[in-house]
Amino acid sequence: SAQGGRDPVDQGCALTTVLIDYDSGNLHSAQKAFERMAAEVDGGDIIVTGDPDVVAKADRIVLPGDGAFPHCHAELHAVPFMGICVGMQMLAKRGFEYEETPGFGWIDADIRKIKPSDPTLPVPHMGWNDLVIDVPHPVLDGIKTGDHTYFVHSYAMQMSDPAQRLAHCDYAGDITAIVGRDTIIGMQFHPEKSQDAGLRMIANFLTWTP
């Protein structure tokens, strides 16, 4: 059921951002971060819902993600759209976590297990890492190379179209950190857990008009 704001079906006046609830983990931290920044930048209502009718009427859509790619894919069957962590990975053509699973195909990439060139580095890639900005984007306004974001993942996006990679980080090899095209943006890290840099990106997304 919808939470955290006015019902967009009934109200229709304020912009609404929907965080899709598809039974793939705890959305509490993401919800709180989006609500906080929406209040600061007058970003409208934040709604957490699995109701497709509410999602269809949203002004912006966020697909958070925890867990494994096949589970998230199985549970989730012209507006700004953000995918976070596994939510970003599902934008790819295919994922190879446990089994080959088709993605949405919105980003020209595959999802494969991280293989650092330094075998002493652990997988999952967990913790803070520096972003390297590859392509400017409105959601990255105020974000610069060297800003830190928080990652927790064992699989990463391997790009077939480098132009769709907006940022990466170094983990004994390039790790795709942010992707985007048209009205779509995806973040491998968790912006809701990335302090000032992450909250800035959430605020930028809430005011982004592609």
N, C-alpha and C. Protein backbone atom coordinates (compact mmCIF):
# COMPACT_ATOMS: atom_id res chain seq x y z
N SER A 1 0.83 -1.19 0.00
CA SER A 1 0.00 0.00 0.00
C SER A 1 0.86 1.23 0.00
N ALA A 2 0.33 2.39 -0.44
CA ALA A 2 1.10 3.63 -0.50
C ALA A 2 1.37 4.15 0.88
N GLN A 3 2.55 4.75 1.03
CA GLN A 3 2.96 5.33 2.30
C GLN A 3 3.66 6.65 2.03
N GLY A 4 3.78 7.46 3.09
CA GLY A 4 4.72 8.58 3.09
C GLY A 4 4.30 9.79 2.31
N GLY A 5 3.03 9.96 1.95
CA GLY A 5 2.65 11.16 1.22
C GLY A 5 1.20 11.10 0.79
N ARG A 6 0.74 12.13 0.12
CA ARG A 6 -0.63 12.15 -0.37
C ARG A 6 -0.82 11.17 -1.52
N ASP A 7 -2.00 10.64 -1.64
CA ASP A 7 -2.31 9.70 -2.71
C ASP A 7 -2.33 10.47 -4.03
N PRO A 8 -1.41 10.13 -4.98
CA PRO A 8 -1.36 10.88 -6.24
C PRO A 8 -2.62 10.71 -7.06
N VAL A 9 -3.32 9.59 -6.85
CA VAL A 9 -4.55 9.39 -7.61
C VAL A 9 -5.59 10.41 -7.19
N ASP A 10 -5.65 10.71 -5.88
CA ASP A 10 -6.67 11.63 -5.38
C ASP A 10 -6.25 13.09 -5.49
N GLN A 11 -4.95 13.34 -5.28
CA GLN A 11 -4.51 14.73 -5.19
C GLN A 11 -4.08 15.28 -6.56
N GLY A 12 -3.06 14.68 -7.16
CA GLY A 12 -2.68 15.06 -8.51
C GLY A 12 -2.02 16.41 -8.64
N CYS A 13 -1.79 17.14 -7.54
CA CYS A 13 -1.24 18.48 -7.66
C CYS A 13 0.27 18.51 -7.42
N ALA A 14 0.75 17.85 -6.37
CA ALA A 14 2.17 17.83 -6.08
C ALA A 14 2.84 16.75 -6.91
N LEU A 15 4.10 16.98 -7.28
CA LEU A 15 4.87 15.94 -7.94
C LEU A 15 5.01 14.74 -7.01
N THR A 16 4.93 13.56 -7.57
CA THR A 16 5.06 12.35 -6.77
C THR A 16 6.25 11.52 -7.26
N THR A 17 7.04 11.04 -6.31
CA THR A 17 8.12 10.10 -6.60
C THR A 17 7.77 8.79 -5.93
N VAL A 18 7.71 7.72 -6.71
CA VAL A 18 7.36 6.40 -6.19
C VAL A 18 8.61 5.56 -6.04
N LEU A 19 8.82 5.00 -4.85
CA LEU A 19 9.81 3.95 -4.64
C LEU A 19 9.07 2.62 -4.75
N ILE A 20 9.45 1.81 -5.73
CA ILE A 20 8.71 0.59 -6.00
C ILE A 20 9.03 -0.45 -4.93
N ASP A 21 7.98 -0.92 -4.28
CA ASP A 21 8.10 -1.98 -3.28
C ASP A 21 7.74 -3.30 -3.95
N TYR A 22 8.75 -4.12 -4.21
CA TYR A 22 8.51 -5.40 -4.87
C TYR A 22 9.05 -6.56 -4.04
N ASP A 23 8.94 -6.41 -2.69
CA ASP A 23 9.29 -7.49 -1.76
C ASP A 23 10.73 -7.93 -1.94
N SER A 24 11.64 -6.95 -2.03
CA SER A 24 13.05 -7.28 -2.22
C SER A 24 13.92 -6.56 -1.20
N GLY A 25 13.52 -6.62 0.08
CA GLY A 25 14.35 -6.04 1.11
C GLY A 25 13.70 -4.85 1.78
N ASN A 26 14.39 -4.33 2.77
CA ASN A 26 13.90 -3.22 3.58
C ASN A 26 14.13 -1.90 2.85
N LEU A 27 13.07 -1.18 2.56
CA LEU A 27 13.18 0.10 1.85
C LEU A 27 13.23 1.28 2.81
N HIS A 28 13.33 1.01 4.11
CA HIS A 28 13.18 2.09 5.10
C HIS A 28 14.23 3.17 4.91
N SER A 29 15.51 2.82 4.75
CA SER A 29 16.55 3.84 4.67
C SER A 29 16.41 4.67 3.40
N ALA A 30 16.07 4.01 2.29
CA ALA A 30 15.87 4.75 1.05
C ALA A 30 14.68 5.70 1.17
N GLN A 31 13.60 5.22 1.76
CA GLN A 31 12.41 6.05 1.93
C GLN A 31 12.72 7.28 2.76
N LYS A 32 13.42 7.10 3.88
CA LYS A 32 13.73 8.22 4.77
C LYS A 32 14.63 9.24 4.08
N ALA A 33 15.63 8.77 3.31
CA ALA A 33 16.53 9.70 2.63
C ALA A 33 15.78 10.51 1.58
N PHE A 34 14.90 9.86 0.82
CA PHE A 34 14.15 10.58 -0.20
C PHE A 34 13.17 11.56 0.44
N GLU A 35 12.53 11.16 1.54
CA GLU A 35 11.61 12.07 2.22
C GLU A 35 12.35 13.29 2.76
N ARG A 36 13.53 13.06 3.32
CA ARG A 36 14.32 14.17 3.87
C ARG A 36 14.67 15.18 2.78
N MET A 37 15.18 14.70 1.64
CA MET A 37 15.60 15.62 0.59
C MET A 37 14.41 16.24 -0.13
N ALA A 38 13.31 15.52 -0.23
CA ALA A 38 12.10 16.11 -0.83
C ALA A 38 11.62 17.28 0.00
N ALA A 39 11.72 17.17 1.33
CA ALA A 39 11.32 18.28 2.19
C ALA A 39 12.25 19.47 2.02
N GLU A 40 13.54 19.21 1.80
CA GLU A 40 14.51 20.30 1.68
C GLU A 40 14.41 21.04 0.35
N VAL A 41 14.11 20.31 -0.74
CA VAL A 41 14.12 20.94 -2.06
C VAL A 41 12.71 21.08 -2.65
N ASP A 42 11.68 20.92 -1.81
CA ASP A 42 10.30 20.99 -2.26
C ASP A 42 10.08 20.01 -3.42
N GLY A 43 10.50 18.77 -3.19
CA GLY A 43 10.47 17.75 -4.22
C GLY A 43 9.19 16.95 -4.29
N GLY A 44 8.14 17.40 -3.63
CA GLY A 44 6.86 16.72 -3.72
C GLY A 44 6.75 15.55 -2.76
N ASP A 45 5.86 14.62 -3.09
CA ASP A 45 5.54 13.50 -2.20
C ASP A 45 6.37 12.27 -2.53
N ILE A 46 6.76 11.54 -1.50
CA ILE A 46 7.46 10.27 -1.65
C ILE A 46 6.49 9.16 -1.25
N ILE A 47 6.32 8.19 -2.13
CA ILE A 47 5.37 7.11 -1.92
C ILE A 47 6.09 5.79 -2.12
N VAL A 48 5.91 4.88 -1.18
CA VAL A 48 6.42 3.51 -1.31
C VAL A 48 5.22 2.62 -1.60
N THR A 49 5.25 1.93 -2.74
CA THR A 49 4.08 1.15 -3.12
C THR A 49 4.46 0.07 -4.12
N GLY A 50 3.69 -0.98 -4.13
CA GLY A 50 3.78 -1.99 -5.17
C GLY A 50 2.57 -1.97 -6.09
N ASP A 51 1.72 -0.96 -5.93
CA ASP A 51 0.49 -0.84 -6.72
C ASP A 51 0.84 -0.31 -8.12
N PRO A 52 0.65 -1.10 -9.17
CA PRO A 52 1.01 -0.64 -10.51
C PRO A 52 0.23 0.59 -10.96
N ASP A 53 -0.99 0.78 -10.47
CA ASP A 53 -1.76 1.96 -10.85
C ASP A 53 -1.13 3.23 -10.29
N VAL A 54 -0.62 3.14 -9.05
CA VAL A 54 0.05 4.30 -8.45
C VAL A 54 1.37 4.57 -9.16
N VAL A 55 2.12 3.49 -9.47
CA VAL A 55 3.39 3.64 -10.18
C VAL A 55 3.16 4.31 -11.54
N ALA A 56 2.11 3.90 -12.23
CA ALA A 56 1.84 4.42 -13.56
C ALA A 56 1.55 5.91 -13.55
N LYS A 57 1.04 6.43 -12.43
CA LYS A 57 0.70 7.85 -12.34
C LYS A 57 1.83 8.70 -11.76
N ALA A 58 2.96 8.08 -11.41
CA ALA A 58 4.05 8.81 -10.75
C ALA A 58 4.74 9.76 -11.71
N ASP A 59 5.30 10.84 -11.14
CA ASP A 59 6.12 11.77 -11.92
C ASP A 59 7.56 11.29 -12.02
N ARG A 60 8.02 10.56 -10.99
CA ARG A 60 9.36 9.98 -10.97
C ARG A 60 9.27 8.59 -10.34
N ILE A 61 10.14 7.69 -10.80
CA ILE A 61 10.12 6.31 -10.31
C ILE A 61 11.52 5.93 -9.86
N VAL A 62 11.60 5.29 -8.69
CA VAL A 62 12.87 4.78 -8.16
C VAL A 62 12.71 3.29 -7.93
N LEU A 63 13.69 2.52 -8.44
CA LEU A 63 13.70 1.08 -8.23
C LEU A 63 14.87 0.74 -7.31
N PRO A 64 14.64 0.67 -5.99
CA PRO A 64 15.72 0.27 -5.09
C PRO A 64 15.97 -1.22 -5.25
N GLY A 65 17.00 -1.73 -4.57
CA GLY A 65 17.26 -3.16 -4.67
C GLY A 65 18.20 -3.68 -3.63
N ASP A 66 17.82 -4.75 -2.98
CA ASP A 66 18.68 -5.54 -2.12
C ASP A 66 18.48 -6.99 -2.51
N GLY A 67 19.54 -7.78 -2.37
CA GLY A 67 19.41 -9.20 -2.65
C GLY A 67 20.02 -9.58 -3.99
N ALA A 68 19.52 -10.63 -4.58
CA ALA A 68 20.10 -11.19 -5.79
C ALA A 68 19.26 -10.82 -7.02
N PHE A 69 19.93 -10.71 -8.16
CA PHE A 69 19.31 -10.28 -9.41
C PHE A 69 18.11 -11.16 -9.78
N PRO A 70 18.22 -12.51 -9.77
CA PRO A 70 17.05 -13.31 -10.19
C PRO A 70 15.83 -13.08 -9.30
N HIS A 71 16.04 -12.96 -7.99
CA HIS A 71 14.91 -12.75 -7.09
C HIS A 71 14.23 -11.42 -7.39
N CYS A 72 15.04 -10.37 -7.55
CA CYS A 72 14.45 -9.05 -7.84
C CYS A 72 13.71 -9.07 -9.16
N HIS A 73 14.27 -9.74 -10.16
CA HIS A 73 13.62 -9.81 -11.46
C HIS A 73 12.28 -10.54 -11.36
N ALA A 74 12.25 -11.59 -10.59
CA ALA A 74 11.02 -12.37 -10.46
C ALA A 74 9.94 -11.61 -9.72
N GLU A 75 10.34 -10.73 -8.79
CA GLU A 75 9.37 -10.03 -7.96
C GLU A 75 8.80 -8.78 -8.64
N LEU A 76 9.45 -8.28 -9.67
CA LEU A 76 9.01 -7.03 -10.29
C LEU A 76 8.59 -7.25 -11.74
N HIS A 77 7.42 -7.30 -11.89
CA HIS A 77 6.94 -7.53 -13.25
C HIS A 77 6.44 -6.11 -13.80
N ALA A 78 9.05 7.89 -20.20
CA ALA A 78 9.05 9.27 -20.50
C ALA A 78 9.08 10.16 -19.30
N VAL A 79 9.17 8.82 -17.75
CA VAL A 79 9.36 9.68 -16.58
C VAL A 79 10.73 9.41 -16.02
N PRO A 80 11.30 10.35 -15.24
CA PRO A 80 12.61 10.08 -14.63
C PRO A 80 12.57 8.80 -13.79
N PHE A 81 13.56 7.96 -14.01
CA PHE A 81 13.61 6.64 -13.37
C PHE A 81 15.00 6.44 -12.79
N MET A 82 15.06 6.03 -11.52
CA MET A 82 16.35 5.74 -10.88
C MET A 82 16.36 4.29 -10.39
N GLY A 83 17.42 3.56 -10.75
CA GLY A 83 17.65 2.23 -10.22
C GLY A 83 18.83 2.26 -9.26
N ILE A 84 18.69 1.64 -8.10
CA ILE A 84 19.72 1.64 -7.07
C ILE A 84 20.20 0.22 -6.82
N CYS A 85 21.51 0.02 -6.84
CA CYS A 85 22.16 -1.26 -6.55
C CYS A 85 21.61 -2.34 -7.49
N VAL A 86 20.92 -3.36 -7.00
CA VAL A 86 20.36 -4.36 -7.89
C VAL A 86 19.31 -3.73 -8.81
N GLY A 87 18.67 -2.66 -8.34
CA GLY A 87 17.75 -1.92 -9.19
C GLY A 87 18.43 -1.36 -10.42
N MET A 88 19.70 -0.93 -10.28
CA MET A 88 20.48 -0.51 -11.44
C MET A 88 20.85 -1.71 -12.30
N GLN A 89 21.24 -2.81 -11.68
CA GLN A 89 21.66 -3.97 -12.46
C GLN A 89 20.54 -4.50 -13.34
N MET A 90 19.31 -4.37 -12.88
CA MET A 90 18.17 -4.87 -13.66
C MET A 90 17.93 -4.05 -14.92
N LEU A 91 18.58 -2.89 -15.05
CA LEU A 91 18.48 -2.10 -16.27
C LEU A 91 19.26 -2.73 -17.42
N ALA A 92 20.19 -3.64 -17.12
CA ALA A 92 21.07 -4.24 -18.13
C ALA A 92 20.31 -5.25 -19.00
N LYS A 93 21.02 -5.75 -20.01
CA LYS A 93 20.42 -6.76 -20.88
C LYS A 93 20.32 -8.12 -20.21
N ARG A 94 21.38 -8.51 -19.48
CA ARG A 94 21.41 -9.83 -18.86
C ARG A 94 22.18 -9.76 -17.55
N GLY A 95 21.80 -10.63 -16.62
CA GLY A 95 22.56 -10.81 -15.40
C GLY A 95 23.02 -12.24 -15.28
N PHE A 96 24.18 -12.45 -14.64
CA PHE A 96 24.75 -13.79 -14.50
C PHE A 96 25.01 -14.12 -13.04
N GLU A 97 24.10 -13.72 -12.16
CA GLU A 97 24.20 -14.06 -10.74
C GLU A 97 23.39 -15.33 -10.51
N TYR A 98 24.09 -16.43 -10.20
CA TYR A 98 23.50 -17.76 -10.01
C TYR A 98 23.05 -18.38 -11.33
N GLU A 99 22.38 -17.61 -12.16
CA GLU A 99 21.87 -18.12 -13.43
C GLU A 99 21.72 -16.94 -14.38
N GLU A 100 21.69 -17.22 -15.68
CA GLU A 100 21.47 -16.14 -16.65
C GLU A 100 20.02 -15.69 -16.56
N THR A 101 19.84 -14.40 -16.36
CA THR A 101 18.50 -13.83 -16.19
C THR A 101 18.38 -12.60 -17.08
N PRO A 102 17.33 -12.49 -17.89
CA PRO A 102 17.18 -11.29 -18.72
C PRO A 102 16.86 -10.07 -17.87
N GLY A 103 17.47 -8.95 -18.22
CA GLY A 103 17.15 -7.69 -17.59
C GLY A 103 16.19 -6.89 -18.45
N PHE A 104 16.01 -5.63 -18.09
CA PHE A 104 15.10 -4.78 -18.86
C PHE A 104 15.66 -4.43 -20.24
N GLY A 105 17.00 -4.44 -20.38
CA GLY A 105 17.61 -4.09 -21.65
C GLY A 105 17.64 -2.60 -21.92
N TRP A 106 17.47 -1.80 -20.91
CA TRP A 106 17.47 -0.34 -21.09
C TRP A 106 18.89 0.22 -21.17
N ILE A 107 19.85 -0.49 -20.59
CA ILE A 107 21.26 -0.12 -20.67
C ILE A 107 22.00 -1.25 -21.35
N ASP A 108 22.89 -0.91 -22.29
CA ASP A 108 23.59 -1.90 -23.09
C ASP A 108 24.77 -2.45 -22.29
N ALA A 109 24.48 -3.47 -21.47
CA ALA A 109 25.49 -4.00 -20.56
C ALA A 109 25.04 -5.36 -20.05
N ASP A 110 26.00 -6.11 -19.50
CA ASP A 110 25.72 -7.34 -18.78
C ASP A 110 26.17 -7.19 -17.33
N ILE A 111 25.61 -8.01 -16.45
CA ILE A 111 25.98 -8.00 -15.04
C ILE A 111 26.77 -9.27 -14.76
N ARG A 112 28.04 -9.09 -14.34
CA ARG A 112 28.91 -10.23 -14.09
C ARG A 112 29.65 -10.02 -12.76
N LYS A 113 30.15 -11.13 -12.22
CA LYS A 113 30.83 -11.11 -10.93
C LYS A 113 32.09 -10.25 -11.00
N ILE A 114 32.32 -9.47 -9.94
CA ILE A 114 33.52 -8.64 -9.86
C ILE A 114 34.75 -9.54 -9.74
N LYS A 115 35.78 -9.24 -10.54
CA LYS A 115 37.04 -9.97 -10.49
C LYS A 115 38.19 -8.98 -10.43
N PRO A 116 38.54 -8.48 -9.22
CA PRO A 116 39.63 -7.51 -9.11
C PRO A 116 40.94 -8.11 -9.61
N SER A 117 41.77 -7.27 -10.23
CA SER A 117 43.07 -7.75 -10.68
C SER A 117 43.99 -8.06 -9.51
N ASP A 118 43.72 -7.50 -8.35
CA ASP A 118 44.45 -7.81 -7.12
C ASP A 118 43.67 -8.89 -6.37
N PRO A 119 44.17 -10.13 -6.33
CA PRO A 119 43.41 -11.22 -5.72
C PRO A 119 43.24 -11.09 -4.21
N THR A 120 43.97 -10.16 -3.59
CA THR A 120 43.81 -9.97 -2.14
C THR A 120 42.59 -9.13 -1.80
N LEU A 121 42.01 -8.46 -2.79
CA LEU A 121 40.83 -7.63 -2.51
C LEU A 121 39.60 -8.52 -2.38
N PRO A 122 38.80 -8.30 -1.34
CA PRO A 122 37.65 -9.17 -1.12
C PRO A 122 36.49 -8.84 -2.05
N VAL A 123 35.70 -9.84 -2.31
CA VAL A 123 34.41 -9.69 -2.99
C VAL A 123 33.37 -10.31 -2.05
N PRO A 124 32.34 -9.59 -1.64
CA PRO A 124 31.83 -8.36 -2.25
C PRO A 124 32.71 -7.12 -2.02
N HIS A 125 32.58 -6.22 -2.97
CA HIS A 125 33.12 -4.87 -2.86
C HIS A 125 32.22 -4.13 -1.87
N MET A 126 32.77 -3.85 -0.70
CA MET A 126 31.93 -3.30 0.37
C MET A 126 32.65 -2.13 1.03
N GLY A 127 31.96 -1.00 1.11
CA GLY A 127 32.50 0.16 1.80
C GLY A 127 32.54 1.38 0.91
N TRP A 128 33.30 2.38 1.37
CA TRP A 128 33.37 3.67 0.69
C TRP A 128 34.39 3.63 -0.43
N ASN A 129 34.06 4.29 -1.54
CA ASN A 129 35.00 4.37 -2.66
C ASN A 129 34.80 5.71 -3.36
N ASP A 130 35.88 6.17 -4.02
CA ASP A 130 35.85 7.45 -4.73
C ASP A 130 35.18 7.30 -6.09
N LEU A 131 34.30 8.22 -6.40
CA LEU A 131 33.73 8.28 -7.74
C LEU A 131 34.70 8.95 -8.71
N VAL A 132 34.68 8.49 -9.95
CA VAL A 132 35.35 9.18 -11.06
C VAL A 132 34.25 9.53 -12.06
N ILE A 133 34.01 10.82 -12.26
CA ILE A 133 32.94 11.26 -13.15
C ILE A 133 33.41 11.15 -14.60
N ASP A 134 32.66 10.42 -15.41
CA ASP A 134 32.99 10.22 -16.82
C ASP A 134 32.20 11.15 -17.74
N VAL A 135 30.93 11.35 -17.44
CA VAL A 135 30.04 12.15 -18.30
C VAL A 135 29.20 13.05 -17.40
N PRO A 136 29.13 14.36 -17.67
CA PRO A 136 28.27 15.23 -16.85
C PRO A 136 26.80 14.85 -16.99
N HIS A 137 26.05 15.12 -15.92
CA HIS A 137 24.62 14.80 -15.93
C HIS A 137 23.95 15.68 -14.89
N PRO A 138 22.73 16.13 -15.13
CA PRO A 138 22.06 16.99 -14.14
C PRO A 138 21.96 16.38 -12.75
N VAL A 139 21.79 15.06 -12.65
CA VAL A 139 21.69 14.42 -11.34
C VAL A 139 23.03 14.46 -10.61
N LEU A 140 24.12 14.73 -11.35
CA LEU A 140 25.45 14.82 -10.74
C LEU A 140 25.90 16.25 -10.50
N ASP A 141 25.00 17.22 -10.63
CA ASP A 141 25.36 18.61 -10.33
C ASP A 141 25.86 18.71 -8.89
N GLY A 142 27.03 19.32 -8.72
CA GLY A 142 27.61 19.46 -7.39
C GLY A 142 28.42 18.26 -6.95
N ILE A 143 28.45 17.21 -7.76
CA ILE A 143 29.25 16.01 -7.47
C ILE A 143 30.51 16.06 -8.31
N LYS A 144 31.63 15.73 -7.70
CA LYS A 144 32.91 15.81 -8.40
C LYS A 144 33.70 14.52 -8.21
N THR A 145 34.66 14.30 -9.10
CA THR A 145 35.57 13.17 -8.95
C THR A 145 36.25 13.26 -7.58
N GLY A 146 36.26 12.14 -6.87
CA GLY A 146 36.82 12.09 -5.53
C GLY A 146 35.78 12.05 -4.44
N ASP A 147 34.53 12.39 -4.76
CA ASP A 147 33.47 12.26 -3.76
C ASP A 147 33.24 10.79 -3.45
N HIS A 148 32.91 10.50 -2.20
CA HIS A 148 32.78 9.12 -1.73
C HIS A 148 31.32 8.67 -1.74
N THR A 149 31.12 7.42 -2.13
CA THR A 149 29.81 6.79 -2.02
C THR A 149 29.98 5.38 -1.47
N TYR A 150 28.88 4.81 -0.97
CA TYR A 150 28.95 3.55 -0.24
C TYR A 150 28.43 2.39 -1.10
N PHE A 151 29.29 1.40 -1.30
CA PHE A 151 28.99 0.24 -2.15
C PHE A 151 28.84 -1.03 -1.32
N VAL A 152 27.94 -1.89 -1.74
CA VAL A 152 27.85 -3.26 -1.23
C VAL A 152 27.37 -4.13 -2.39
N HIS A 153 28.30 -4.82 -3.08
CA HIS A 153 27.87 -5.64 -4.22
C HIS A 153 28.99 -6.59 -4.62
N SER A 154 28.58 -7.72 -5.19
CA SER A 154 29.51 -8.71 -5.71
C SER A 154 29.50 -8.77 -7.24
N TYR A 155 28.47 -8.20 -7.84
CA TYR A 155 28.32 -8.19 -9.29
C TYR A 155 28.30 -6.74 -9.77
N ALA A 156 28.77 -6.53 -10.98
CA ALA A 156 28.88 -5.17 -11.51
C ALA A 156 28.50 -5.16 -12.98
N MET A 157 28.21 -3.98 -13.47
CA MET A 157 27.77 -3.79 -14.85
C MET A 157 28.98 -3.66 -15.77
N GLN A 158 29.06 -4.55 -16.74
CA GLN A 158 30.09 -4.48 -17.78
C GLN A 158 29.46 -3.88 -19.03
N MET A 159 29.95 -2.69 -19.39
CA MET A 159 29.30 -1.88 -20.40
C MET A 159 29.66 -2.34 -21.82
N SER A 160 28.66 -2.40 -22.68
CA SER A 160 28.88 -2.56 -24.11
C SER A 160 28.88 -1.20 -24.81
N ASP A 161 28.19 -0.23 -24.21
CA ASP A 161 28.14 1.13 -24.74
C ASP A 161 28.76 2.06 -23.70
N PRO A 162 30.05 2.40 -23.85
CA PRO A 162 30.72 3.25 -22.84
C PRO A 162 30.07 4.61 -22.66
N ALA A 163 29.34 5.10 -23.67
CA ALA A 163 28.71 6.41 -23.56
C ALA A 163 27.62 6.43 -22.50
N GLN A 164 27.12 5.25 -22.13
CA GLN A 164 26.08 5.19 -21.11
C GLN A 164 26.64 5.11 -19.69
N ARG A 165 27.97 5.06 -19.55
CA ARG A 165 28.58 5.06 -18.22
C ARG A 165 28.86 6.51 -17.81
N LEU A 166 28.24 6.95 -16.73
CA LEU A 166 28.40 8.33 -16.26
C LEU A 166 29.51 8.46 -15.23
N ALA A 167 29.79 7.38 -14.49
CA ALA A 167 30.84 7.43 -13.47
C ALA A 167 31.29 6.01 -13.16
N HIS A 168 32.53 5.91 -12.65
CA HIS A 168 33.04 4.62 -12.23
C HIS A 168 33.88 4.81 -10.97
N CYS A 169 34.31 3.70 -10.39
CA CYS A 169 35.28 3.74 -9.29
C CYS A 169 36.34 2.68 -9.58
N ASP A 170 37.41 2.75 -8.82
CA ASP A 170 38.53 1.82 -9.01
C ASP A 170 38.53 0.81 -7.88
N TYR A 171 38.49 -0.47 -8.24
CA TYR A 171 38.63 -1.55 -7.27
C TYR A 171 39.51 -2.61 -7.91
N ALA A 172 40.80 -2.23 -8.08
CA ALA A 172 41.74 -3.05 -8.86
C ALA A 172 41.13 -3.35 -10.22
N GLY A 173 40.66 -2.30 -10.85
CA GLY A 173 39.94 -2.36 -12.11
C GLY A 173 38.71 -1.47 -12.03
N ASP A 174 38.24 -1.04 -13.17
CA ASP A 174 37.08 -0.15 -13.20
C ASP A 174 35.81 -0.88 -12.79
N ILE A 175 35.04 -0.24 -11.91
CA ILE A 175 33.69 -0.71 -11.54
C ILE A 175 32.71 0.37 -11.98
N THR A 176 31.73 0.02 -12.79
CA THR A 176 30.72 0.98 -13.21
C THR A 176 29.90 1.40 -12.00
N ALA A 177 29.85 2.71 -11.76
CA ALA A 177 29.17 3.24 -10.58
C ALA A 177 27.84 3.90 -10.91
N ILE A 178 27.78 4.62 -12.03
CA ILE A 178 26.55 5.32 -12.43
C ILE A 178 26.37 5.15 -13.94
N VAL A 179 25.16 4.84 -14.35
CA VAL A 179 24.83 4.75 -15.78
C VAL A 179 23.62 5.62 -16.06
N GLY A 180 23.43 5.95 -17.32
CA GLY A 180 22.26 6.74 -17.66
C GLY A 180 22.05 6.88 -19.15
N ARG A 181 20.80 7.09 -19.50
CA ARG A 181 20.40 7.46 -20.86
C ARG A 181 18.98 7.98 -20.79
N ASP A 182 18.68 8.95 -21.65
CA ASP A 182 17.33 9.51 -21.73
C ASP A 182 16.85 9.92 -20.33
N THR A 183 15.75 9.35 -19.85
CA THR A 183 15.21 9.71 -18.54
C THR A 183 15.60 8.71 -17.46
N ILE A 184 16.58 7.84 -17.76
CA ILE A 184 16.96 6.75 -16.86
C ILE A 184 18.32 7.02 -16.25
N ILE A 185 18.45 6.76 -14.95
CA ILE A 185 19.75 6.80 -14.30
C ILE A 185 19.82 5.65 -13.31
N GLY A 186 21.00 5.06 -13.18
CA GLY A 186 21.21 3.97 -12.25
C GLY A 186 22.47 4.18 -11.45
N MET A 187 22.44 3.77 -10.18
CA MET A 187 23.58 3.93 -9.27
C MET A 187 23.88 2.59 -8.61
N GLN A 188 25.11 2.10 -8.78
CA GLN A 188 25.48 0.83 -8.18
C GLN A 188 25.60 0.96 -6.66
N PHE A 189 26.03 2.09 -6.18
CA PHE A 189 26.14 2.35 -4.75
C PHE A 189 24.77 2.71 -4.19
N HIS A 190 24.73 2.89 -2.88
CA HIS A 190 23.48 3.28 -2.20
C HIS A 190 23.53 4.77 -1.89
N PRO A 191 22.85 5.62 -2.66
CA PRO A 191 22.89 7.05 -2.37
C PRO A 191 22.29 7.38 -1.01
N GLU A 192 21.30 6.59 -0.57
CA GLU A 192 20.66 6.87 0.71
C GLU A 192 21.58 6.59 1.89
N LYS A 193 22.71 5.89 1.64
CA LYS A 193 23.68 5.60 2.69
C LYS A 193 25.01 6.33 2.46
N SER A 194 25.03 7.23 1.47
CA SER A 194 26.28 7.88 1.04
C SER A 194 26.42 9.32 1.53
N GLN A 195 25.76 9.65 2.61
CA GLN A 195 25.90 10.94 3.28
C GLN A 195 25.69 12.09 2.31
N ASP A 196 26.53 13.13 2.37
CA ASP A 196 26.25 14.37 1.64
C ASP A 196 26.17 14.16 0.12
N ALA A 197 27.11 13.38 -0.43
CA ALA A 197 27.12 13.18 -1.88
C ALA A 197 25.86 12.45 -2.33
N GLY A 198 25.48 11.41 -1.60
CA GLY A 198 24.30 10.65 -1.98
C GLY A 198 23.03 11.47 -1.85
N LEU A 199 22.93 12.23 -0.76
CA LEU A 199 21.73 13.05 -0.58
C LEU A 199 21.65 14.14 -1.63
N ARG A 200 22.79 14.67 -2.05
CA ARG A 200 22.79 15.67 -3.12
C ARG A 200 22.25 15.07 -4.42
N MET A 201 22.65 13.85 -4.73
CA MET A 201 22.16 13.21 -5.95
C MET A 201 20.67 12.93 -5.87
N ILE A 202 20.19 12.52 -4.69
CA ILE A 202 18.75 12.32 -4.52
C ILE A 202 18.01 13.63 -4.73
N ALA A 203 18.51 14.71 -4.14
CA ALA A 203 17.87 16.02 -4.32
C ALA A 203 17.88 16.43 -5.78
N ASN A 204 19.01 16.22 -6.47
CA ASN A 204 19.07 16.56 -7.90
C ASN A 204 18.05 15.75 -8.70
N PHE A 205 17.91 14.47 -8.38
CA PHE A 205 16.94 13.63 -9.08
C PHE A 205 15.52 14.15 -8.88
N LEU A 206 15.22 14.59 -7.66
CA LEU A 206 13.88 15.04 -7.34
C LEU A 206 13.51 16.34 -8.07
N THR A 207 14.51 17.08 -8.52
CA THR A 207 14.25 18.33 -9.24
C THR A 207 14.66 18.26 -10.71
N TRP A 208 15.03 17.08 -11.19
CA TRP A 208 15.49 16.87 -12.55
C TRP A 208 14.31 16.88 -13.51
N THR A 209 14.43 17.70 -14.56
CA THR A 209 13.42 17.74 -15.62
C THR A 209 14.12 17.41 -16.95
N PRO A 210 14.12 16.16 -17.36
CA PRO A 210 14.82 15.76 -18.59
C PRO A 210 14.26 16.46 -19.82
